[in-house]
């Protein structure tokens, strides 16, 4: 690691004092004592290296735990154990994240010893789930079974995940978080372009399958698309390349300012050729050049509904309402997978906060679908449900400025009744500019912001401050990517459903044909026209607000 770094931010000082990888032993010790007051403030920050965050408000004594789930790949016993932990310690629910992990809330310090031991017993860990580390690897939920996939990324997911964890201290002090996407799906549903490192499947003219690579992507309040490295990476080199990119970030990344420390800033400043050269220096060999490999032809997709696998069995994609499911629903899904699936009986989480059951024989599809529907997990749900995502919002997050989960549920249920949508449109409900719910790449992105509502009055008779959203439209992933642009800066949260209804209905009426994507319609529409579509229904006082 470079010794010339000028450290000026508190987190870098904290990491110099004690590496975050030491937090696991501290967590066990503190959990055994149960003495919250004895924990130094700096150790709370280090807990993140093992997926533990203080829950809002910090002094409440409650914590969130994020579990590492590489590629979103689970077994029935693993999901059943998470359900049991959520029931016992997390008030009976969990949240699927946009990185294919599961978060539990309401945990207390004394719970962690038991939680970590039970996760380990089913082959799970929270190491590097958060912190300045290589975060959970995201992938296509149908890796290994999708009939149209370019390459099965499953062996590479396992290899890269093991390489990251085995690196330990070698990668436990990166300048900031480091996110990897790795998939072979023909739709590139794992969104490699918004990650620090993205591998995506490519098949060359001679039939050889491998990966293209993009580096330096990320969202938050300064979004960047990852830049193509114009190389072809065979499967056997993937883990080496992933480690090399992490080391380039470690050794050359910025550490002076916390908000300017992500890999995307380094790549943007230095350029893709400099980045590729540094990767090859870390590797010790030259990557195979291929100028034809640029951005992946990605779209928003999540493999919902029923489809046939390569092996003749079937998968069932199950939309999870705004990514929040109860422990009972988790337990039911684990039980149904065990009962109706065959072989590995695999379960997958998705980056759109949904779940997929694999390995189901055709004869078992109907009874499984009925049992799922009876449990409130209907596979054949409205298209809006499958691509509506939300962060945790002010309910738990110290950074959020508006409530999101209940608002997202209210918006979803309203739109499902009001709009007969026949095609998937991604809607993001995000509580702050940090973009955990990826509002900049959604078809309709809602970013939380307080607004003054002239209709509601405070105790002094003045317009009341209420939850609201900026509305972003026009985003597109793929060959010609673009981030969504702010169309309207302030819409009260309890009336935003009216704007979404108007937008979606107008899109359906004006699209060229049923195949025209929402983003294409937005891009060919005048911004002023879109502003009117959003503003007119929410400023019409005859239209009713929607309670969350």
Protein backbone atom coordinates (compact mmCIF):
# COMPACT_ATOMS: atom_id res chain seq x y z
CA UNK A 1 0.00 0.00 0.00
CA UNK A 2 1.22 3.49 -0.81
CA UNK A 3 3.01 5.27 2.07
CA UNK A 4 2.69 8.74 0.52
CA UNK A 5 -1.01 9.21 1.23
CA UNK A 6 -1.86 12.44 3.02
CA UNK A 7 -4.59 11.50 5.46
CA UNK A 8 -7.07 14.26 6.24
CA UNK A 9 -10.35 12.51 6.97
CA UNK A 10 -11.44 10.90 10.23
CA UNK A 11 -12.23 7.47 8.79
CA UNK A 12 -8.70 7.12 7.43
CA UNK A 13 -7.33 7.99 10.86
CA UNK A 14 -9.68 5.44 12.42
CA UNK A 15 -8.47 2.71 10.04
CA UNK A 16 -4.84 3.54 10.82
CA UNK A 17 -5.51 3.03 14.54
CA UNK A 18 -7.13 -0.40 14.10
CA UNK A 19 -8.15 -2.34 10.99
CA UNK A 20 -11.86 -2.91 10.54
CA UNK A 21 -11.30 -6.64 10.08
CA UNK A 22 -10.65 -6.84 13.83
CA UNK A 23 -14.25 -5.83 14.51
CA UNK A 24 -15.57 -9.41 14.60
CA UNK A 25 -13.65 -10.26 17.75
CA UNK A 26 -14.77 -6.98 19.30
CA UNK A 27 -18.40 -7.68 18.38
CA UNK A 28 -18.27 -11.09 20.08
CA UNK A 29 -16.73 -9.54 23.20
CA UNK A 30 -19.19 -6.64 23.37
CA UNK A 31 -22.10 -8.97 22.66
CA UNK A 32 -21.13 -11.20 25.55
CA UNK A 33 -20.92 -8.27 27.97
CA UNK A 34 -23.99 -6.50 26.60
CA UNK A 35 -22.53 -3.20 27.76
CA UNK A 36 -23.38 -0.70 25.03
CA UNK A 37 -21.95 2.24 26.98
CA UNK A 38 -18.48 0.67 27.02
CA UNK A 39 -18.09 0.79 23.23
CA UNK A 40 -15.88 3.60 21.88
CA UNK A 41 -17.45 5.64 19.10
CA UNK A 42 -14.70 4.51 16.70
CA UNK A 43 -15.63 0.85 17.15
CA UNK A 44 -19.19 1.50 16.02
CA UNK A 45 -17.72 2.59 12.68
CA UNK A 46 -15.56 -0.56 12.48
CA UNK A 47 -18.62 -2.78 13.06
CA UNK A 48 -19.59 -1.97 9.47
CA UNK A 49 -16.82 -4.27 8.22
CA UNK A 50 -19.11 -7.07 9.41
CA UNK A 51 -22.40 -5.61 8.21
CA UNK A 52 -23.48 -3.95 11.46
CA UNK A 53 -24.87 -0.40 11.54
CA UNK A 54 -26.50 1.52 14.34
CA UNK A 55 -30.16 1.96 13.65
CA UNK A 56 -31.75 5.39 13.78
CA UNK A 57 -31.64 6.96 16.33
CA UNK A 58 -28.09 5.96 17.27
CA UNK A 59 -28.81 6.02 20.99
CA UNK A 60 -31.70 3.53 20.66
CA UNK A 61 -29.44 0.52 21.16
CA UNK A 62 -30.78 -1.18 18.03
CA UNK A 63 -28.73 -2.32 15.06
CA UNK A 64 -29.12 -3.36 11.44
CA UNK A 65 -27.27 -6.43 10.18
CA UNK A 66 -26.57 -7.01 6.49
CA UNK A 67 -25.76 -10.59 5.51
CA UNK A 68 -23.42 -11.33 2.60
CA UNK A 69 -25.17 -13.37 -0.13
CA UNK A 70 -22.81 -13.70 -3.16
CA UNK A 71 -24.80 -13.55 -6.38
CA UNK A 72 -27.97 -13.64 -4.30
CA UNK A 73 -27.58 -17.42 -4.06
CA UNK A 74 -29.29 -19.13 -1.11
CA UNK A 75 -30.28 -22.62 -0.04
CA UNK A 76 -33.55 -23.44 1.77
CA UNK A 77 -31.73 -24.03 5.11
CA UNK A 78 -29.98 -20.67 4.81
CA UNK A 79 -33.21 -18.76 4.12
CA UNK A 80 -34.99 -20.68 6.89
CA UNK A 81 -32.25 -19.69 9.36
CA UNK A 82 -32.47 -16.03 8.37
CA UNK A 83 -36.25 -16.26 8.88
CA UNK A 84 -35.72 -17.75 12.34
CA UNK A 85 -33.27 -15.00 13.27
CA UNK A 86 -35.63 -12.31 11.96
CA UNK A 87 -38.45 -13.79 14.03
CA UNK A 88 -36.38 -14.10 17.18
CA UNK A 89 -34.43 -10.84 17.02
CA UNK A 90 -35.64 -8.69 14.09
CA UNK A 91 -39.37 -8.20 14.80
CA UNK A 92 -40.37 -10.67 12.12
CA UNK A 93 -39.18 -9.21 8.81
CA UNK A 94 -36.21 -8.55 6.58
CA UNK A 95 -35.37 -6.38 3.59
CA UNK A 96 -33.83 -7.55 0.31
CA UNK A 97 -31.32 -4.97 -0.88
CA UNK A 98 -30.36 -3.84 -4.37
CA UNK A 99 -27.12 -5.80 -3.87
CA UNK A 100 -28.93 -9.13 -3.44
CA UNK A 101 -28.37 -9.26 0.32
CA UNK A 102 -30.79 -9.41 3.25
CA UNK A 103 -30.91 -6.83 6.04
CA UNK A 104 -32.42 -7.44 9.45
CA UNK A 105 -33.35 -4.62 11.81
CA UNK A 106 -34.00 -4.20 15.54
CA UNK A 107 -31.09 -6.39 16.63
CA UNK A 108 -29.48 -5.60 19.97
CA UNK A 109 -25.85 -5.90 21.00
CA UNK A 110 -26.38 -9.06 23.03
CA UNK A 111 -27.89 -10.84 20.00
CA UNK A 112 -24.83 -10.78 17.75
CA UNK A 113 -22.90 -13.66 19.29
CA UNK A 114 -25.77 -16.04 18.64
CA UNK A 115 -26.57 -14.52 15.22
CA UNK A 116 -23.01 -14.85 13.90
CA UNK A 117 -22.68 -18.43 15.18
CA UNK A 118 -25.94 -19.49 13.56
CA UNK A 119 -25.10 -17.84 10.24
CA UNK A 120 -21.72 -19.59 10.24
CA UNK A 121 -23.42 -22.93 10.89
CA UNK A 122 -25.34 -22.61 7.60
CA UNK A 123 -22.32 -21.40 5.62
CA UNK A 124 -23.06 -17.67 5.73
CA UNK A 125 -21.09 -14.60 6.79
CA UNK A 126 -21.39 -10.84 7.10
CA UNK A 127 -17.67 -10.19 6.53
CA UNK A 128 -17.19 -7.23 4.17
CA UNK A 129 -20.96 -6.72 3.92
CA UNK A 130 -20.26 -3.01 4.56
CA UNK A 131 -17.24 -0.80 5.26
CA UNK A 132 -14.33 0.17 2.99
CA UNK A 133 -14.15 -3.32 1.56
CA UNK A 134 -15.18 -5.44 -1.44
CA UNK A 135 -18.95 -5.54 -0.98
CA UNK A 136 -21.36 -8.33 -1.97
CA UNK A 137 -21.03 -9.50 -5.59
CA UNK A 138 -24.19 -9.06 -7.66
CA UNK A 139 -25.15 -11.26 -10.57
CA UNK A 140 -28.02 -12.57 -12.70
CA UNK A 141 -30.37 -14.57 -10.44
CA UNK A 142 -30.57 -17.26 -13.13
CA UNK A 143 -26.82 -17.86 -13.36
CA UNK A 144 -26.30 -21.44 -14.48
CA UNK A 145 -29.90 -22.15 -15.49
CA UNK A 146 -30.90 -19.39 -17.94
CA UNK A 147 -31.34 -20.95 -21.38
CA UNK A 148 -30.17 -17.79 -23.19
CA UNK A 149 -27.22 -16.93 -20.96
CA UNK A 150 -23.90 -16.24 -22.64
CA UNK A 151 -21.85 -17.93 -19.94
CA UNK A 152 -22.54 -19.46 -16.53
CA UNK A 153 -20.92 -17.08 -14.05
CA UNK A 154 -21.52 -19.30 -11.00
CA UNK A 155 -17.93 -20.64 -10.73
CA UNK A 156 -16.52 -17.12 -11.10
CA UNK A 157 -18.89 -15.70 -8.47
CA UNK A 158 -17.65 -18.27 -5.98
CA UNK A 159 -14.00 -17.76 -6.95
CA UNK A 160 -14.12 -13.97 -6.69
CA UNK A 161 -16.04 -14.01 -3.42
CA UNK A 162 -13.57 -16.43 -1.86
CA UNK A 163 -10.65 -14.37 -3.17
CA UNK A 164 -12.03 -11.19 -1.60
CA UNK A 165 -12.68 -12.80 1.78
CA UNK A 166 -9.40 -14.72 1.82
CA UNK A 167 -7.47 -11.51 1.07
CA UNK A 168 -8.40 -10.31 4.56
CA UNK A 169 -6.21 -7.38 5.58
CA UNK A 170 -4.92 -7.06 2.04
CA UNK A 171 -8.32 -5.63 1.01
CA UNK A 172 -9.79 -4.53 4.35
CA UNK A 173 -8.56 -0.95 4.03
CA UNK A 174 -9.72 0.37 0.66
CA UNK A 175 -10.31 4.12 0.21
CA UNK A 176 -14.08 3.51 0.15
CA UNK A 177 -16.58 0.76 -0.65
CA UNK A 178 -15.81 -1.39 -3.71
CA UNK A 179 -18.71 -2.98 -5.59
CA UNK A 180 -18.47 -5.83 -8.09
CA UNK A 181 -21.03 -7.07 -10.63
CA UNK A 182 -20.37 -10.37 -12.39
CA UNK A 183 -22.84 -12.07 -14.71
CA UNK A 184 -23.30 -13.91 -17.98
CA UNK A 185 -26.96 -13.07 -18.62
CA UNK A 186 -27.78 -12.04 -22.21
CA UNK A 187 -29.81 -9.13 -20.79
CA UNK A 188 -26.97 -8.05 -18.46
CA UNK A 189 -29.61 -7.69 -15.74
CA UNK A 190 -26.91 -7.29 -13.05
CA UNK A 191 -26.25 -3.67 -14.19
CA UNK A 192 -22.44 -3.89 -14.49
CA UNK A 193 -22.18 -0.25 -15.62
CA UNK A 194 -23.01 1.23 -12.21
CA UNK A 195 -20.42 -0.79 -10.28
CA UNK A 196 -16.79 -0.13 -9.46
CA UNK A 197 -16.02 -3.29 -11.41
CA UNK A 198 -18.38 -4.97 -13.84
CA UNK A 199 -17.89 -8.25 -15.71
CA UNK A 200 -20.46 -9.10 -18.40
CA UNK A 201 -20.79 -12.07 -20.69
CA UNK A 202 -19.55 -11.87 -24.30
CA UNK A 203 -19.40 -14.47 -27.05
CA UNK A 204 -16.84 -13.93 -29.80
CA UNK A 205 -17.18 -14.76 -33.48
CA UNK A 206 -15.30 -18.02 -32.98
CA UNK A 207 -17.81 -19.10 -30.32
CA UNK A 208 -15.51 -18.48 -27.35
CA UNK A 209 -17.41 -17.24 -24.29
CA UNK A 210 -15.89 -15.01 -21.63
CA UNK A 211 -16.26 -11.56 -20.17
CA UNK A 212 -15.98 -7.91 -21.03
CA UNK A 213 -14.91 -5.52 -18.28
CA UNK A 214 -16.03 -2.04 -17.23
CA UNK A 215 -14.42 -0.12 -14.35
CA UNK A 216 -15.26 3.02 -12.38
CA UNK A 217 -19.05 3.10 -12.15
CA UNK A 218 -21.12 4.33 -9.24
CA UNK A 219 -24.19 6.39 -8.34
CA UNK A 220 -24.74 8.47 -5.17
CA UNK A 221 -25.03 12.25 -5.78
CA UNK A 222 -22.27 12.20 -8.47
CA UNK A 223 -23.09 9.30 -10.79
CA UNK A 224 -20.55 7.86 -13.24
CA UNK A 225 -20.88 5.13 -15.82
CA UNK A 226 -18.14 2.53 -15.62
CA UNK A 227 -15.68 2.82 -18.51
CA UNK A 228 -15.00 -0.13 -20.87
CA UNK A 229 -11.48 -1.57 -20.68
CA UNK A 230 -11.80 -3.06 -24.19
CA UNK A 231 -10.43 -6.45 -23.17
CA UNK A 232 -11.62 -10.05 -23.34
CA UNK A 233 -11.24 -11.95 -20.06
CA UNK A 234 -11.52 -15.76 -20.11
CA UNK A 235 -13.22 -17.36 -17.08
CA UNK A 236 -9.94 -18.49 -15.56
CA UNK A 237 -8.66 -14.91 -15.26
CA UNK A 238 -11.74 -13.34 -13.66
CA UNK A 239 -10.70 -13.72 -10.01
CA UNK A 240 -7.21 -12.41 -10.79
CA UNK A 241 -8.63 -9.35 -12.55
CA UNK A 242 -11.06 -8.66 -9.69
CA UNK A 243 -8.23 -8.70 -7.16
CA UNK A 244 -6.03 -6.58 -9.42
CA UNK A 245 -8.65 -3.86 -9.78
CA UNK A 246 -9.16 -3.84 -6.00
CA UNK A 247 -5.40 -3.42 -5.49
CA UNK A 248 -5.23 -0.58 -8.01
CA UNK A 249 -8.00 1.14 -6.05
CA UNK A 250 -6.22 0.44 -2.76
CA UNK A 251 -2.86 1.76 -3.93
CA UNK A 252 -3.90 4.68 -6.16
CA UNK A 253 -7.34 5.68 -4.90
CA UNK A 254 -8.00 9.05 -3.26
CA UNK A 255 -8.14 9.14 0.53
CA UNK A 256 -8.04 12.85 1.34
CA UNK A 257 -11.77 13.55 1.08
CA UNK A 258 -14.36 10.94 1.99
CA UNK A 259 -16.87 12.17 -0.60
CA UNK A 260 -14.24 11.97 -3.36
CA UNK A 261 -12.73 8.58 -2.56
CA UNK A 262 -14.69 6.13 -4.73
CA UNK A 263 -12.91 4.41 -7.61
CA UNK A 264 -15.11 6.27 -10.10
CA UNK A 265 -13.29 9.53 -9.40
CA UNK A 266 -9.86 7.98 -9.99
CA UNK A 267 -10.93 6.39 -13.29
CA UNK A 268 -12.65 9.59 -14.45
CA UNK A 269 -9.49 11.60 -13.75
CA UNK A 270 -6.92 9.15 -15.10
CA UNK A 271 -8.87 7.61 -17.99
CA UNK A 272 -9.57 4.02 -19.01
CA UNK A 273 -6.19 3.39 -20.67
CA UNK A 274 -4.26 4.44 -17.54
CA UNK A 275 -6.63 2.25 -15.50
CA UNK A 276 -6.08 -0.75 -17.78
CA UNK A 277 -2.31 -0.27 -17.61
CA UNK A 278 -2.40 -0.24 -13.80
CA UNK A 279 -4.60 -3.36 -13.74
CA UNK A 280 -2.08 -5.17 -15.92
CA UNK A 281 0.78 -4.05 -13.69
CA UNK A 282 -1.03 -5.55 -10.70
CA UNK A 283 -1.73 -8.73 -12.67
CA UNK A 284 1.79 -9.11 -13.99
CA UNK A 285 0.54 -9.92 -17.48
CA UNK A 286 -1.19 -8.27 -20.42
CA UNK A 287 -4.92 -8.73 -20.98
CA UNK A 288 -6.20 -9.67 -24.40
CA UNK A 289 -7.25 -6.54 -26.28
CA UNK A 290 -10.61 -6.40 -28.05
CA UNK A 291 -11.73 -2.93 -29.12
CA UNK A 292 -15.15 -4.30 -30.12
CA UNK A 293 -16.06 -4.96 -26.47
CA UNK A 294 -17.53 -1.73 -25.10
CA UNK A 295 -20.66 -1.20 -23.02
CA UNK A 296 -22.96 -4.21 -22.54
CA UNK A 297 -26.37 -4.16 -24.23
CA UNK A 298 -28.13 -4.06 -20.87
CA UNK A 299 -31.80 -3.49 -20.04
CA UNK A 300 -33.81 -3.44 -16.83
CA UNK A 301 -35.03 -7.00 -16.29
CA UNK A 302 -35.57 -9.29 -13.34
CA UNK A 303 -36.68 -12.71 -14.66
CA UNK A 304 -40.05 -12.68 -12.94
CA UNK A 305 -42.85 -15.15 -13.68
CA UNK A 306 -42.31 -18.72 -14.89
CA UNK A 307 -39.59 -19.86 -17.30
CA UNK A 308 -37.87 -23.03 -18.41
CA UNK A 309 -34.30 -23.73 -17.34
CA UNK A 310 -31.52 -25.30 -19.40
CA UNK A 311 -32.07 -28.65 -17.71
CA UNK A 312 -35.81 -28.82 -18.42
CA UNK A 313 -36.89 -27.80 -14.92
CA UNK A 314 -38.48 -24.39 -14.30
CA UNK A 315 -37.95 -21.25 -12.27
CA UNK A 316 -40.57 -19.04 -10.59
CA UNK A 317 -39.74 -15.37 -10.17
CA UNK A 318 -41.58 -13.91 -7.20
CA UNK A 319 -41.97 -10.12 -6.77
CA UNK A 320 -41.42 -9.10 -3.15
CA UNK A 321 -43.38 -5.93 -2.39
CA UNK A 322 -40.78 -3.09 -2.14
CA UNK A 323 -38.24 -5.70 -1.07
CA UNK A 324 -39.72 -6.27 2.39
CA UNK A 325 -40.91 -9.73 3.35
CA UNK A 326 -41.95 -11.26 6.61
CA UNK A 327 -40.12 -14.05 8.37
CA UNK A 328 -43.17 -16.22 7.74
CA UNK A 329 -42.93 -15.55 4.00
CA UNK A 330 -39.21 -16.39 4.03
CA UNK A 331 -39.93 -19.58 5.92
CA UNK A 332 -42.72 -20.47 3.50
CA UNK A 333 -40.48 -19.91 0.48
CA UNK A 334 -37.74 -22.08 2.00
CA UNK A 335 -40.27 -24.81 2.78
CA UNK A 336 -41.82 -24.72 -0.68
CA UNK A 337 -38.40 -24.88 -2.33
CA UNK A 338 -37.59 -27.91 -0.23
CA UNK A 339 -40.98 -29.49 -0.96
CA UNK A 340 -41.41 -28.85 -4.68
CA UNK A 341 -37.93 -28.28 -6.13
CA UNK A 342 -35.42 -31.01 -6.93
CA UNK A 343 -31.65 -31.36 -6.89
CA UNK A 344 -29.97 -28.31 -5.39
CA UNK A 345 -33.37 -26.65 -4.64
CA UNK A 346 -31.81 -23.23 -5.20
CA UNK A 347 -33.23 -19.82 -4.18
CA UNK A 348 -31.95 -16.55 -5.62
CA UNK A 349 -32.37 -12.91 -4.61
CA UNK A 350 -32.31 -10.17 -7.28
CA UNK A 351 -30.99 -6.61 -7.51
CA UNK A 352 -34.60 -5.46 -7.93
CA UNK A 353 -35.34 -6.76 -4.41
CA UNK A 354 -37.22 -9.87 -5.54
CA UNK A 355 -36.71 -13.64 -5.22
CA UNK A 356 -36.54 -16.56 -7.66
CA UNK A 357 -37.11 -20.24 -6.94
CA UNK A 358 -35.13 -22.61 -9.19
CA UNK A 359 -35.20 -26.32 -10.02
CA UNK A 360 -38.97 -26.87 -10.09
CA UNK A 361 -40.26 -29.78 -12.22
CA UNK A 362 -43.11 -28.86 -14.56
CA UNK A 363 -45.56 -31.05 -12.66
CA UNK A 364 -44.91 -29.04 -9.47
CA UNK A 365 -45.37 -25.57 -10.95
CA UNK A 366 -49.12 -25.24 -10.34
CA UNK A 367 -49.14 -26.38 -6.69
CA UNK A 368 -46.06 -24.28 -5.90
CA UNK A 369 -47.53 -21.18 -7.56
CA UNK A 370 -50.78 -21.64 -5.62
CA UNK A 371 -48.96 -22.07 -2.33
CA UNK A 372 -46.89 -18.95 -3.01
CA UNK A 373 -50.00 -16.95 -3.89
CA UNK A 374 -51.73 -18.14 -0.71
CA UNK A 375 -48.73 -16.81 1.23
CA UNK A 376 -48.98 -13.36 -0.40
CA UNK A 377 -46.12 -14.08 -2.82
CA UNK A 378 -47.97 -14.25 -6.13
CA UNK A 379 -45.63 -14.98 -9.08
CA UNK A 380 -48.06 -13.57 -11.68
CA UNK A 381 -48.16 -10.07 -10.23
CA UNK A 382 -48.64 -6.68 -11.91
CA UNK A 383 -45.48 -5.60 -13.84
CA UNK A 384 -45.18 -2.53 -11.59
CA UNK A 385 -44.55 -4.74 -8.56
CA UNK A 386 -41.54 -6.53 -10.06
CA UNK A 387 -39.47 -3.38 -10.72
CA UNK A 388 -40.48 -1.04 -7.89
CA UNK A 389 -37.58 -0.73 -5.45
CA UNK A 390 -37.05 1.32 -2.31
CA UNK A 391 -34.40 1.98 0.30
CA UNK A 392 -35.10 1.80 4.05
CA UNK A 393 -35.69 5.57 4.40
CA UNK A 394 -36.05 7.48 7.66
CA UNK A 395 -37.55 4.46 9.41
CA UNK A 396 -34.04 3.14 10.05
CA UNK A 397 -31.40 5.09 8.11
CA UNK A 398 -29.48 7.99 9.63
CA UNK A 399 -28.86 9.55 6.19
CA UNK A 400 -32.41 9.48 4.80
CA UNK A 401 -34.55 12.62 4.80
CA UNK A 402 -37.94 11.07 3.92
CA UNK A 403 -39.84 7.86 4.71
CA UNK A 404 -39.77 5.37 1.82
CA UNK A 405 -40.96 1.83 2.58
CA UNK A 406 -44.54 2.68 3.54
CA UNK A 407 -44.72 5.34 0.82
CA UNK A 408 -43.50 2.83 -1.78
CA UNK A 409 -46.14 0.33 -0.65
CA UNK A 410 -48.90 2.95 -0.95
CA UNK A 411 -47.71 4.04 -4.41
CA UNK A 412 -47.47 0.43 -5.58
CA UNK A 413 -50.96 -0.56 -4.46
CA UNK A 414 -52.47 2.57 -5.96
CA UNK A 415 -50.78 2.12 -9.34
CA UNK A 416 -51.63 -1.58 -9.50
CA UNK A 417 -55.31 -0.63 -9.37
CA UNK A 418 -55.14 2.56 -11.41
CA UNK A 419 -52.83 1.67 -14.31
CA UNK A 420 -53.24 -1.45 -16.50
CA UNK A 421 -49.53 -1.54 -17.33
CA UNK A 422 -48.51 -4.29 -19.76
CA UNK A 423 -44.74 -3.81 -19.62
CA UNK A 424 -42.13 -3.48 -16.88
CA UNK A 425 -41.19 0.05 -15.81
CA UNK A 426 -38.61 0.51 -13.06
CA UNK A 427 -39.68 2.89 -10.29
CA UNK A 428 -37.25 3.85 -7.52
CA UNK A 429 -38.29 5.36 -4.18
CA UNK A 430 -35.14 6.69 -2.52
CA UNK A 431 -34.84 8.53 0.78
CA UNK A 432 -31.79 10.69 0.04
CA UNK A 433 -29.28 11.50 -2.74
CA UNK A 434 -27.07 8.49 -1.89
CA UNK A 435 -29.08 6.33 -4.29
CA UNK A 436 -29.26 3.00 -2.48
CA UNK A 437 -32.40 2.41 -4.56
CA UNK A 438 -30.64 3.61 -7.74
CA UNK A 439 -32.97 6.44 -8.73
CA UNK A 440 -30.58 7.76 -11.43
CA UNK A 441 -30.99 4.61 -13.54
CA UNK A 442 -34.71 4.01 -12.93
CA UNK A 443 -37.35 4.76 -15.54
CA UNK A 444 -38.98 6.90 -12.86
CA UNK A 445 -36.63 7.95 -10.07
CA UNK A 446 -37.92 9.56 -6.89
CA UNK A 447 -35.24 11.10 -4.67
CA UNK A 448 -36.37 12.26 -1.25
CA UNK A 449 -36.39 15.93 -0.34
CA UNK A 450 -38.39 17.95 2.25
CA UNK A 451 -40.94 20.28 0.63
CA UNK A 452 -43.24 23.04 1.84
CA UNK A 453 -46.88 22.06 1.34
CA UNK A 454 -49.20 25.04 0.89
CA UNK A 455 -52.21 22.80 1.54
CA UNK A 456 -51.03 21.71 4.98
CA UNK A 457 -50.29 24.24 7.73
CA UNK A 458 -47.93 24.09 10.68
CA UNK A 459 -48.75 25.31 14.20
CA UNK A 460 -48.08 28.90 13.10
CA UNK A 461 -50.43 28.68 10.13
CA UNK A 462 -47.58 28.62 7.62
CA UNK A 463 -47.01 25.97 4.90
CA UNK A 464 -45.91 22.77 6.61
CA UNK A 465 -42.68 20.95 5.85
CA UNK A 466 -43.53 17.48 4.56
CA UNK A 467 -41.87 14.58 2.78
CA UNK A 468 -41.41 15.10 -0.93
CA UNK A 469 -39.47 13.94 -3.96
CA UNK A 470 -37.49 15.15 -6.93
CA UNK A 471 -38.67 13.33 -10.05
CA UNK A 472 -36.02 11.97 -12.43
CA UNK A 473 -36.90 10.66 -15.91
CA UNK A 474 -35.09 9.48 -19.04
CA UNK A 475 -32.54 7.03 -17.64
CA UNK A 476 -31.27 4.22 -19.82
CA UNK A 477 -28.68 1.47 -19.25
CA UNK A 478 -26.93 -0.40 -22.05
CA UNK A 479 -25.03 0.56 -25.21
CA UNK A 480 -25.94 4.24 -25.03
CA UNK A 481 -26.41 4.83 -21.29
CA UNK A 482 -27.78 7.99 -19.77
CA UNK A 483 -28.71 8.98 -16.25
CA UNK A 484 -32.16 10.29 -15.43
CA UNK A 485 -32.61 14.04 -15.36
CA UNK A 486 -34.57 16.11 -12.86
CA UNK A 487 -37.88 17.01 -14.51
CA UNK A 488 -39.66 18.37 -11.43
CA UNK A 489 -37.74 19.43 -8.32
CA UNK A 490 -40.44 19.17 -5.67
CA UNK A 491 -43.55 17.00 -5.41
CA UNK A 492 -45.24 16.27 -2.07
CA UNK A 493 -44.91 12.57 -1.27
CA UNK A 494 -48.61 12.10 -0.55
CA UNK A 495 -49.50 13.29 -4.05
CA UNK A 496 -46.67 11.82 -6.13
CA UNK A 497 -48.84 8.79 -7.01
CA UNK A 498 -51.01 11.13 -9.10
CA UNK A 499 -48.01 12.19 -11.17
CA UNK A 500 -46.92 8.60 -11.72
CA UNK A 501 -50.41 7.57 -12.78
CA UNK A 502 -50.53 10.40 -15.32
CA UNK A 503 -47.05 9.61 -16.66
CA UNK A 504 -47.71 5.90 -17.12
CA UNK A 505 -51.13 6.34 -18.70
CA UNK A 506 -49.82 8.97 -21.10
CA UNK A 507 -46.89 6.76 -22.02
CA UNK A 508 -49.22 3.87 -22.83
CA UNK A 509 -51.42 6.14 -24.95
CA UNK A 510 -48.54 7.80 -26.86
CA UNK A 511 -45.98 5.05 -27.33
CA UNK A 512 -45.26 4.06 -30.92
CA UNK A 513 -46.09 0.42 -30.22
CA UNK A 514 -46.24 -1.99 -27.29
CA UNK A 515 -42.49 -2.58 -27.53
CA UNK A 516 -41.41 1.04 -27.11
CA UNK A 517 -39.61 1.38 -23.75
CA UNK A 518 -40.69 4.05 -21.28
CA UNK A 519 -37.25 5.71 -21.49
CA UNK A 520 -37.52 6.05 -25.27
CA UNK A 521 -40.90 7.78 -24.95
CA UNK A 522 -39.47 10.12 -22.30
CA UNK A 523 -36.43 11.02 -24.39
CA UNK A 524 -38.54 11.96 -27.42
CA UNK A 525 -40.92 14.04 -25.29
CA UNK A 526 -40.31 17.71 -24.50
CA UNK A 527 -39.22 18.38 -20.89
CA UNK A 528 -41.90 21.07 -20.52
CA UNK A 529 -44.55 18.55 -21.56
CA UNK A 530 -43.31 16.03 -18.99
CA UNK A 531 -43.27 18.73 -16.33
CA UNK A 532 -46.94 19.48 -17.00
CA UNK A 533 -47.84 15.80 -16.84
CA UNK A 534 -46.30 15.64 -13.39
CA UNK A 535 -47.32 19.02 -12.00
CA UNK A 536 -50.94 19.38 -13.12
CA UNK A 537 -52.44 16.42 -11.22
CA UNK A 538 -50.50 17.16 -8.02
CA UNK A 539 -51.44 20.85 -7.95
CA UNK A 540 -55.12 20.15 -8.61
CA UNK A 541 -56.53 20.28 -5.08
CA UNK A 542 -59.53 18.22 -6.14
CA UNK A 543 -57.23 15.20 -6.40
CA UNK A 544 -56.87 13.31 -3.15
CA UNK A 545 -53.59 12.75 -1.29
CA UNK A 546 -52.55 9.19 -0.54
CA UNK A 547 -51.76 8.12 3.00
CA UNK A 548 -48.70 5.92 3.42
